[in-house]
């Protein structure tokens, strides 16, 4: 599957990944994941998604580190998608 970058509003997107199967995502979620500058993933679903999306970052271990990472990227003007 080829990814095409679409314009989506800048900000933070929280995307539920259910059982962690990329094939079960909605087309809207897939569009956001392809368009976001940065994807931050739980370690539980990281392996399932790392081959599909090139902009994925494995989530830090602690919530405060995750929050800092999100804020850092938002302050740089990035669009961030958080896989949950």
PDB file of N, CA and C in Angstrom:
ATOM      1  N   UNK A   1       0.842  -1.170   0.000  1.00  0.00           N
ATOM      2  CA  UNK A   1       0.000   0.000   0.000  1.00  0.00           C
ATOM      3  C   UNK A   1       0.888   1.234   0.000  1.00  0.00           C
ATOM      4  N   UNK A   2       0.619   2.162  -0.895  1.00  0.00           N
ATOM      5  CA  UNK A   2       1.394   3.387  -0.938  1.00  0.00           C
ATOM      6  C   UNK A   2       0.711   4.444  -0.094  1.00  0.00           C
ATOM      7  N   UNK A   3       1.513   5.279   0.514  1.00  0.00           N
ATOM      8  CA  UNK A   3       0.923   6.319   1.339  1.00  0.00           C
ATOM      9  C   UNK A   3       0.984   7.633   0.583  1.00  0.00           C
ATOM     10  N   UNK A   4      -0.096   8.397   0.689  1.00  0.00           N
ATOM     11  CA  UNK A   4      -0.132   9.726   0.118  1.00  0.00           C
ATOM     12  C   UNK A   4      -0.380  10.697   1.244  1.00  0.00           C
ATOM     13  N   UNK A   5       0.337  11.788   1.224  1.00  0.00           N
ATOM     14  CA  UNK A   5       0.230  12.779   2.287  1.00  0.00           C
ATOM     15  C   UNK A   5      -0.924  13.713   1.961  1.00  0.00           C
ATOM     16  N   UNK A   6      -1.892  13.814   2.846  1.00  0.00           N
ATOM     17  CA  UNK A   6      -3.016  14.727   2.690  1.00  0.00           C
ATOM     18  C   UNK A   6      -2.887  15.815   3.734  1.00  0.00           C
ATOM     19  N   UNK A   7      -3.509  16.934   3.463  1.00  0.00           N
ATOM     20  CA  UNK A   7      -3.511  18.011   4.438  1.00  0.00           C
ATOM     21  C   UNK A   7      -4.559  17.718   5.507  1.00  0.00           C
ATOM     22  N   UNK A   8      -4.105  17.651   6.740  1.00  0.00           N
ATOM     23  CA  UNK A   8      -5.001  17.506   7.881  1.00  0.00           C
ATOM     24  C   UNK A   8      -4.685  18.651   8.833  1.00  0.00           C
ATOM     25  N   UNK A   9      -5.653  19.105   9.604  1.00  0.00           N
ATOM     26  CA  UNK A   9      -5.374  20.197  10.533  1.00  0.00           C
ATOM     27  C   UNK A   9      -4.266  19.829  11.522  1.00  0.00           C
ATOM     28  N   UNK A  10      -3.420  20.818  11.804  1.00  0.00           N
ATOM     29  CA  UNK A  10      -2.337  20.644  12.780  1.00  0.00           C
ATOM     30  C   UNK A  10      -2.934  20.340  14.146  1.00  0.00           C
ATOM     31  N   UNK A  11      -2.284  19.459  14.892  1.00  0.00           N
ATOM     32  CA  UNK A  11      -2.730  19.164  16.243  1.00  0.00           C
ATOM     33  C   UNK A  11      -2.368  17.753  16.651  1.00  0.00           C
ATOM     34  N   UNK A  12      -3.062  17.310  17.663  1.00  0.00           N
ATOM     35  CA  UNK A  12      -2.846  15.979  18.226  1.00  0.00           C
ATOM     36  C   UNK A  12      -4.060  15.121  17.923  1.00  0.00           C
ATOM     37  N   UNK A  13      -3.830  13.931  17.400  1.00  0.00           N
ATOM     38  CA  UNK A  13      -4.886  12.965  17.096  1.00  0.00           C
ATOM     39  C   UNK A  13      -4.665  11.724  17.945  1.00  0.00           C
ATOM     40  N   UNK A  14      -5.697  11.290  18.625  1.00  0.00           N
ATOM     41  CA  UNK A  14      -5.654  10.053  19.399  1.00  0.00           C
ATOM     42  C   UNK A  14      -6.415   9.010  18.600  1.00  0.00           C
ATOM     43  N   UNK A  15      -5.731   7.926  18.248  1.00  0.00           N
ATOM     44  CA  UNK A  15      -6.323   6.904  17.381  1.00  0.00           C
ATOM     45  C   UNK A  15      -6.333   5.565  18.093  1.00  0.00           C
ATOM     46  N   UNK A  16      -7.518   5.036  18.311  1.00  0.00           N
ATOM     47  CA  UNK A  16      -7.667   3.725  18.919  1.00  0.00           C
ATOM     48  C   UNK A  16      -7.357   2.638  17.905  1.00  0.00           C
ATOM     49  N   UNK A  17      -6.552   1.690  18.303  1.00  0.00           N
ATOM     50  CA  UNK A  17      -6.115   0.634  17.380  1.00  0.00           C
ATOM     51  C   UNK A  17      -6.690  -0.723  17.724  1.00  0.00           C
ATOM     52  N   UNK A  18      -7.691  -0.743  18.586  1.00  0.00           N
ATOM     53  CA  UNK A  18      -8.343  -2.003  18.913  1.00  0.00           C
ATOM     54  C   UNK A  18      -7.344  -3.085  19.260  1.00  0.00           C
ATOM     55  N   UNK A  19      -7.433  -4.238  18.581  1.00  0.00           N
ATOM     56  CA  UNK A  19      -6.529  -5.344  18.885  1.00  0.00           C
ATOM     57  C   UNK A  19      -5.131  -5.181  18.286  1.00  0.00           C
ATOM     58  N   UNK A  20      -4.871  -4.042  17.629  1.00  0.00           N
ATOM     59  CA  UNK A  20      -3.540  -3.805  17.091  1.00  0.00           C
ATOM     60  C   UNK A  20      -3.312  -4.332  15.689  1.00  0.00           C
ATOM     61  N   UNK A  21      -4.369  -4.559  14.941  1.00  0.00           N
ATOM     62  CA  UNK A  21      -4.252  -5.039  13.573  1.00  0.00           C
ATOM     63  C   UNK A  21      -4.446  -3.857  12.622  1.00  0.00           C
ATOM     64  N   UNK A  22      -3.418  -3.454  11.892  1.00  0.00           N
ATOM     65  CA  UNK A  22      -3.542  -2.297  10.994  1.00  0.00           C
ATOM     66  C   UNK A  22      -4.645  -2.451   9.948  1.00  0.00           C
ATOM     67  N   UNK A  23      -4.986  -3.660   9.604  1.00  0.00           N
ATOM     68  CA  UNK A  23      -6.033  -3.886   8.605  1.00  0.00           C
ATOM     69  C   UNK A  23      -7.421  -3.520   9.120  1.00  0.00           C
ATOM     70  N   UNK A  24      -7.584  -3.355  10.429  1.00  0.00           N
ATOM     71  CA  UNK A  24      -8.885  -3.046  11.007  1.00  0.00           C
ATOM     72  C   UNK A  24      -9.107  -1.556  11.253  1.00  0.00           C
ATOM     73  N   UNK A  25      -8.150  -0.717  10.882  1.00  0.00           N
ATOM     74  CA  UNK A  25      -8.300   0.727  11.036  1.00  0.00           C
ATOM     75  C   UNK A  25      -9.357   1.267  10.083  1.00  0.00           C
ATOM     76  N   UNK A  26     -10.004   2.351  10.477  1.00  0.00           N
ATOM     77  CA  UNK A  26     -10.901   3.031   9.547  1.00  0.00           C
ATOM     78  C   UNK A  26     -10.062   3.758   8.510  1.00  0.00           C
ATOM     79  N   UNK A  27     -10.664   4.099   7.412  1.00  0.00           N
ATOM     80  CA  UNK A  27      -9.932   4.837   6.379  1.00  0.00           C
ATOM     81  C   UNK A  27      -9.550   6.231   6.887  1.00  0.00           C
ATOM     82  N   UNK A  28     -10.374   6.829   7.746  1.00  0.00           N
ATOM     83  CA  UNK A  28     -10.038   8.139   8.323  1.00  0.00           C
ATOM     84  C   UNK A  28      -8.794   8.033   9.206  1.00  0.00           C
ATOM     85  N   UNK A  29      -8.720   6.997  10.027  1.00  0.00           N
ATOM     86  CA  UNK A  29      -7.545   6.799  10.887  1.00  0.00           C
ATOM     87  C   UNK A  29      -6.302   6.565  10.033  1.00  0.00           C
ATOM     88  N   UNK A  30      -6.420   5.756   9.011  1.00  0.00           N
ATOM     89  CA  UNK A  30      -5.292   5.483   8.124  1.00  0.00           C
ATOM     90  C   UNK A  30      -4.808   6.769   7.456  1.00  0.00           C
ATOM     91  N   UNK A  31      -5.722   7.614   7.051  1.00  0.00           N
ATOM     92  CA  UNK A  31      -5.378   8.882   6.425  1.00  0.00           C
ATOM     93  C   UNK A  31      -4.601   9.785   7.381  1.00  0.00           C
ATOM     94  N   UNK A  32      -5.048   9.860   8.638  1.00  0.00           N
ATOM     95  CA  UNK A  32      -4.344  10.663   9.638  1.00  0.00           C
ATOM     96  C   UNK A  32      -2.958  10.086   9.886  1.00  0.00           C
ATOM     97  N   UNK A  33      -2.845   8.775  10.007  1.00  0.00           N
ATOM     98  CA  UNK A  33      -1.552   8.144  10.277  1.00  0.00           C
ATOM     99  C   UNK A  33      -0.565   8.372   9.137  1.00  0.00           C
ATOM    100  N   UNK A  34      -1.055   8.386   7.920  1.00  0.00           N
ATOM    101  CA  UNK A  34      -0.182   8.637   6.770  1.00  0.00           C
ATOM    102  C   UNK A  34       0.221  10.104   6.671  1.00  0.00           C
ATOM    103  N   UNK A  35      -0.631  10.990   7.153  1.00  0.00           N
ATOM    104  CA  UNK A  35      -0.398  12.421   7.008  1.00  0.00           C
ATOM    105  C   UNK A  35       0.346  13.052   8.172  1.00  0.00           C
ATOM    106  N   UNK A  36       0.270  12.443   9.343  1.00  0.00           N
ATOM    107  CA  UNK A  36       0.899  13.030  10.531  1.00  0.00           C
ATOM    108  C   UNK A  36       2.416  13.065  10.372  1.00  0.00           C
ATOM    109  N   UNK A  37       3.013  14.076  10.967  1.00  0.00           N
ATOM    110  CA  UNK A  37       4.472  14.175  10.952  1.00  0.00           C
ATOM    111  C   UNK A  37       5.109  13.138  11.861  1.00  0.00           C
ATOM    112  N   UNK A  38       4.439  12.849  12.978  1.00  0.00           N
ATOM    113  CA  UNK A  38       4.975  11.939  13.986  1.00  0.00           C
ATOM    114  C   UNK A  38       3.861  11.026  14.486  1.00  0.00           C
ATOM    115  N   UNK A  39       4.148   9.739  14.589  1.00  0.00           N
ATOM    116  CA  UNK A  39       3.248   8.774  15.221  1.00  0.00           C
ATOM    117  C   UNK A  39       3.916   8.266  16.483  1.00  0.00           C
ATOM    118  N   UNK A  40       3.170   8.253  17.566  1.00  0.00           N
ATOM    119  CA  UNK A  40       3.706   7.736  18.819  1.00  0.00           C
ATOM    120  C   UNK A  40       2.850   6.537  19.205  1.00  0.00           C
ATOM    121  N   UNK A  41       3.512   5.418  19.441  1.00  0.00           N
ATOM    122  CA  UNK A  41       2.817   4.142  19.610  1.00  0.00           C
ATOM    123  C   UNK A  41       3.074   3.517  20.967  1.00  0.00           C
ATOM    124  N   UNK A  42       2.066   2.802  21.469  1.00  0.00           N
ATOM    125  CA  UNK A  42       2.273   1.922  22.617  1.00  0.00           C
ATOM    126  C   UNK A  42       3.203   0.793  22.198  1.00  0.00           C
ATOM    127  N   UNK A  43       3.939   0.263  23.143  1.00  0.00           N
ATOM    128  CA  UNK A  43       4.823  -0.852  22.802  1.00  0.00           C
ATOM    129  C   UNK A  43       4.030  -2.098  22.427  1.00  0.00           C
ATOM    130  N   UNK A  44       2.788  -2.195  22.883  1.00  0.00           N
ATOM    131  CA  UNK A  44       1.965  -3.364  22.567  1.00  0.00           C
ATOM    132  C   UNK A  44       1.602  -3.439  21.091  1.00  0.00           C
ATOM    133  N   UNK A  45       1.464  -2.305  20.441  1.00  0.00           N
ATOM    134  CA  UNK A  45       1.054  -2.331  19.033  1.00  0.00           C
ATOM    135  C   UNK A  45       2.163  -1.881  18.084  1.00  0.00           C
ATOM    136  N   UNK A  46       3.273  -1.461  18.608  1.00  0.00           N
ATOM    137  CA  UNK A  46       4.358  -0.927  17.785  1.00  0.00           C
ATOM    138  C   UNK A  46       4.759  -1.895  16.668  1.00  0.00           C
ATOM    139  N   UNK A  47       5.004  -3.147  16.997  1.00  0.00           N
ATOM    140  CA  UNK A  47       5.466  -4.114  16.000  1.00  0.00           C
ATOM    141  C   UNK A  47       4.479  -4.294  14.855  1.00  0.00           C
ATOM    142  N   UNK A  48       3.194  -4.233  15.143  1.00  0.00           N
ATOM    143  CA  UNK A  48       2.176  -4.416  14.109  1.00  0.00           C
ATOM    144  C   UNK A  48       2.154  -3.261  13.111  1.00  0.00           C
ATOM    145  N   UNK A  49       2.556  -2.075  13.555  1.00  0.00           N
ATOM    146  CA  UNK A  49       2.418  -0.886  12.729  1.00  0.00           C
ATOM    147  C   UNK A  49       3.736  -0.368  12.155  1.00  0.00           C
ATOM    148  N   UNK A  50       4.880  -0.798  12.684  1.00  0.00           N
ATOM    149  CA  UNK A  50       6.153  -0.186  12.290  1.00  0.00           C
ATOM    150  C   UNK A  50       6.496  -0.397  10.829  1.00  0.00           C
ATOM    151  N   UNK A  51       6.037  -1.475  10.212  1.00  0.00           N
ATOM    152  CA  UNK A  51       6.332  -1.706   8.802  1.00  0.00           C
ATOM    153  C   UNK A  51       5.382  -0.971   7.872  1.00  0.00           C
ATOM    154  N   UNK A  52       4.268  -0.498   8.410  1.00  0.00           N
ATOM    155  CA  UNK A  52       3.269   0.172   7.581  1.00  0.00           C
ATOM    156  C   UNK A  52       3.449   1.684   7.538  1.00  0.00           C
ATOM    157  N   UNK A  53       3.955   2.248   8.640  1.00  0.00           N
ATOM    158  CA  UNK A  53       4.084   3.702   8.731  1.00  0.00           C
ATOM    159  C   UNK A  53       5.528   4.060   9.060  1.00  0.00           C
ATOM    160  N   UNK A  54       6.130   4.879   8.209  1.00  0.00           N
ATOM    161  CA  UNK A  54       7.552   5.190   8.365  1.00  0.00           C
ATOM    162  C   UNK A  54       7.827   6.245   9.430  1.00  0.00           C
ATOM    163  N   UNK A  55       6.819   6.958   9.880  1.00  0.00           N
ATOM    164  CA  UNK A  55       7.004   8.058  10.813  1.00  0.00           C
ATOM    165  C   UNK A  55       6.676   7.682  12.259  1.00  0.00           C
ATOM    166  N   UNK A  56       6.771   6.403  12.589  1.00  0.00           N
ATOM    167  CA  UNK A  56       6.350   5.920  13.904  1.00  0.00           C
ATOM    168  C   UNK A  56       7.502   5.945  14.916  1.00  0.00           C
ATOM    169  N   UNK A  57       7.167   6.339  16.135  1.00  0.00           N
ATOM    170  CA  UNK A  57       8.102   6.359  17.255  1.00  0.00           C
ATOM    171  C   UNK A  57       7.526   5.474  18.353  1.00  0.00           C
ATOM    172  N   UNK A  58       8.336   4.610  18.898  1.00  0.00           N
ATOM    173  CA  UNK A  58       7.881   3.779  20.006  1.00  0.00           C
ATOM    174  C   UNK A  58       7.736   4.651  21.248  1.00  0.00           C
ATOM    175  N   UNK A  59       6.651   4.488  21.911  1.00  0.00           N
ATOM    176  CA  UNK A  59       6.294   5.306  23.062  1.00  0.00           C
ATOM    177  C   UNK A  59       7.302   5.178  24.201  1.00  0.00           C
ATOM    178  N   UNK A  60       7.615   6.322  24.842  1.00  0.00           N
ATOM    179  CA  UNK A  60       8.435   6.252  26.047  1.00  0.00           C
ATOM    180  C   UNK A  60       7.727   5.439  27.128  1.00  0.00           C
ATOM    181  N   UNK A  61       8.490   4.987  28.076  1.00  0.00           N
ATOM    182  CA  UNK A  61       7.948   4.112  29.110  1.00  0.00           C
ATOM    183  C   UNK A  61       6.999   4.814  30.082  1.00  0.00           C
ATOM    184  N   UNK A  62       7.257   6.070  30.381  1.00  0.00           N
ATOM    185  CA  UNK A  62       6.487   6.780  31.401  1.00  0.00           C
ATOM    186  C   UNK A  62       5.593   7.843  30.780  1.00  0.00           C
ATOM    187  N   UNK A  63       4.438   8.041  31.389  1.00  0.00           N
ATOM    188  CA  UNK A  63       3.453   8.987  30.874  1.00  0.00           C
ATOM    189  C   UNK A  63       4.015  10.414  30.793  1.00  0.00           C
ATOM    190  N   UNK A  64       4.785  10.847  31.785  1.00  0.00           N
ATOM    191  CA  UNK A  64       5.322  12.216  31.742  1.00  0.00           C
ATOM    192  C   UNK A  64       6.299  12.388  30.578  1.00  0.00           C
ATOM    193  N   UNK A  65       7.054  11.336  30.235  1.00  0.00           N
ATOM    194  CA  UNK A  65       7.942  11.394  29.075  1.00  0.00           C
ATOM    195  C   UNK A  65       7.136  11.469  27.784  1.00  0.00           C
ATOM    196  N   UNK A  66       6.047  10.732  27.744  1.00  0.00           N
ATOM    197  CA  UNK A  66       5.159  10.758  26.586  1.00  0.00           C
ATOM    198  C   UNK A  66       4.585  12.158  26.401  1.00  0.00           C
ATOM    199  N   UNK A  67       4.110  12.762  27.482  1.00  0.00           N
ATOM    200  CA  UNK A  67       3.543  14.104  27.399  1.00  0.00           C
ATOM    201  C   UNK A  67       4.576  15.109  26.899  1.00  0.00           C
ATOM    202  N   UNK A  68       5.799  15.012  27.399  1.00  0.00           N
ATOM    203  CA  UNK A  68       6.864  15.918  26.957  1.00  0.00           C
ATOM    204  C   UNK A  68       7.172  15.727  25.472  1.00  0.00           C
ATOM    205  N   UNK A  69       7.187  14.480  25.025  1.00  0.00           N
ATOM    206  CA  UNK A  69       7.453  14.192  23.617  1.00  0.00           C
ATOM    207  C   UNK A  69       6.360  14.786  22.726  1.00  0.00           C
ATOM    208  N   UNK A  70       5.117  14.605  23.127  1.00  0.00           N
ATOM    209  CA  UNK A  70       3.998  15.170  22.361  1.00  0.00           C
ATOM    210  C   UNK A  70       4.104  16.688  22.312  1.00  0.00           C
ATOM    211  N   UNK A  71       4.318  17.318  23.464  1.00  0.00           N
ATOM    212  CA  UNK A  71       4.410  18.781  23.517  1.00  0.00           C
ATOM    213  C   UNK A  71       5.589  19.306  22.697  1.00  0.00           C
ATOM    214  N   UNK A  72       6.704  18.580  22.727  1.00  0.00           N
ATOM    215  CA  UNK A  72       7.873  18.979  21.945  1.00  0.00           C
ATOM    216  C   UNK A  72       7.532  19.033  20.462  1.00  0.00           C
ATOM    217  N   UNK A  73       6.896  17.975  19.973  1.00  0.00           N
ATOM    218  CA  UNK A  73       6.571  17.926  18.547  1.00  0.00           C
ATOM    219  C   UNK A  73       5.486  18.932  18.175  1.00  0.00           C
ATOM    220  N   UNK A  74       4.514  19.131  19.041  1.00  0.00           N
ATOM    221  CA  UNK A  74       3.488  20.134  18.763  1.00  0.00           C
ATOM    222  C   UNK A  74       4.097  21.531  18.720  1.00  0.00           C
ATOM    223  N   UNK A  75       5.033  21.817  19.622  1.00  0.00           N
ATOM    224  CA  UNK A  75       5.672  23.140  19.649  1.00  0.00           C
ATOM    225  C   UNK A  75       6.530  23.380  18.409  1.00  0.00           C
ATOM    226  N   UNK A  76       6.974  22.311  17.764  1.00  0.00           N
ATOM    227  CA  UNK A  76       7.736  22.422  16.517  1.00  0.00           C
ATOM    228  C   UNK A  76       6.820  22.554  15.296  1.00  0.00           C
ATOM    229  N   UNK A  77       5.502  22.550  15.543  1.00  0.00           N
ATOM    230  CA  UNK A  77       4.543  22.678  14.450  1.00  0.00           C
ATOM    231  C   UNK A  77       4.185  21.375  13.785  1.00  0.00           C
ATOM    232  N   UNK A  78       4.551  20.271  14.397  1.00  0.00           N
ATOM    233  CA  UNK A  78       4.249  18.957  13.832  1.00  0.00           C
ATOM    234  C   UNK A  78       2.815  18.540  14.143  1.00  0.00           C
ATOM    235  N   UNK A  79       2.269  17.739  13.268  1.00  0.00           N
ATOM    236  CA  UNK A  79       1.008  17.065  13.537  1.00  0.00           C
ATOM    237  C   UNK A  79       1.357  15.720  14.132  1.00  0.00           C
ATOM    238  N   UNK A  80       0.759  15.415  15.288  1.00  0.00           N
ATOM    239  CA  UNK A  80       1.110  14.222  16.052  1.00  0.00           C
ATOM    240  C   UNK A  80      -0.099  13.293  16.118  1.00  0.00           C
ATOM    241  N   UNK A  81       0.130  12.034  15.832  1.00  0.00           N
ATOM    242  CA  UNK A  81      -0.906  11.003  16.010  1.00  0.00           C
ATOM    243  C   UNK A  81      -0.441  10.056  17.105  1.00  0.00           C
ATOM    244  N   UNK A  82      -1.288   9.824  18.064  1.00  0.00           N
ATOM    245  CA  UNK A  82      -0.987   8.931  19.179  1.00  0.00           C
ATOM    246  C   UNK A  82      -1.796   7.657  19.011  1.00  0.00           C
ATOM    247  N   UNK A  83      -1.115   6.549  18.747  1.00  0.00           N
ATOM    248  CA  UNK A  83      -1.774   5.257  18.600  1.00  0.00           C
ATOM    249  C   UNK A  83      -2.017   4.685  19.979  1.00  0.00           C
ATOM    250  N   UNK A  84      -3.223   4.294  20.246  1.00  0.00           N
ATOM    251  CA  UNK A  84      -3.576   3.756  21.559  1.00  0.00           C
ATOM    252  C   UNK A  84      -4.335   2.474  21.387  1.00  0.00           C
TER     253      UNK A  84
END
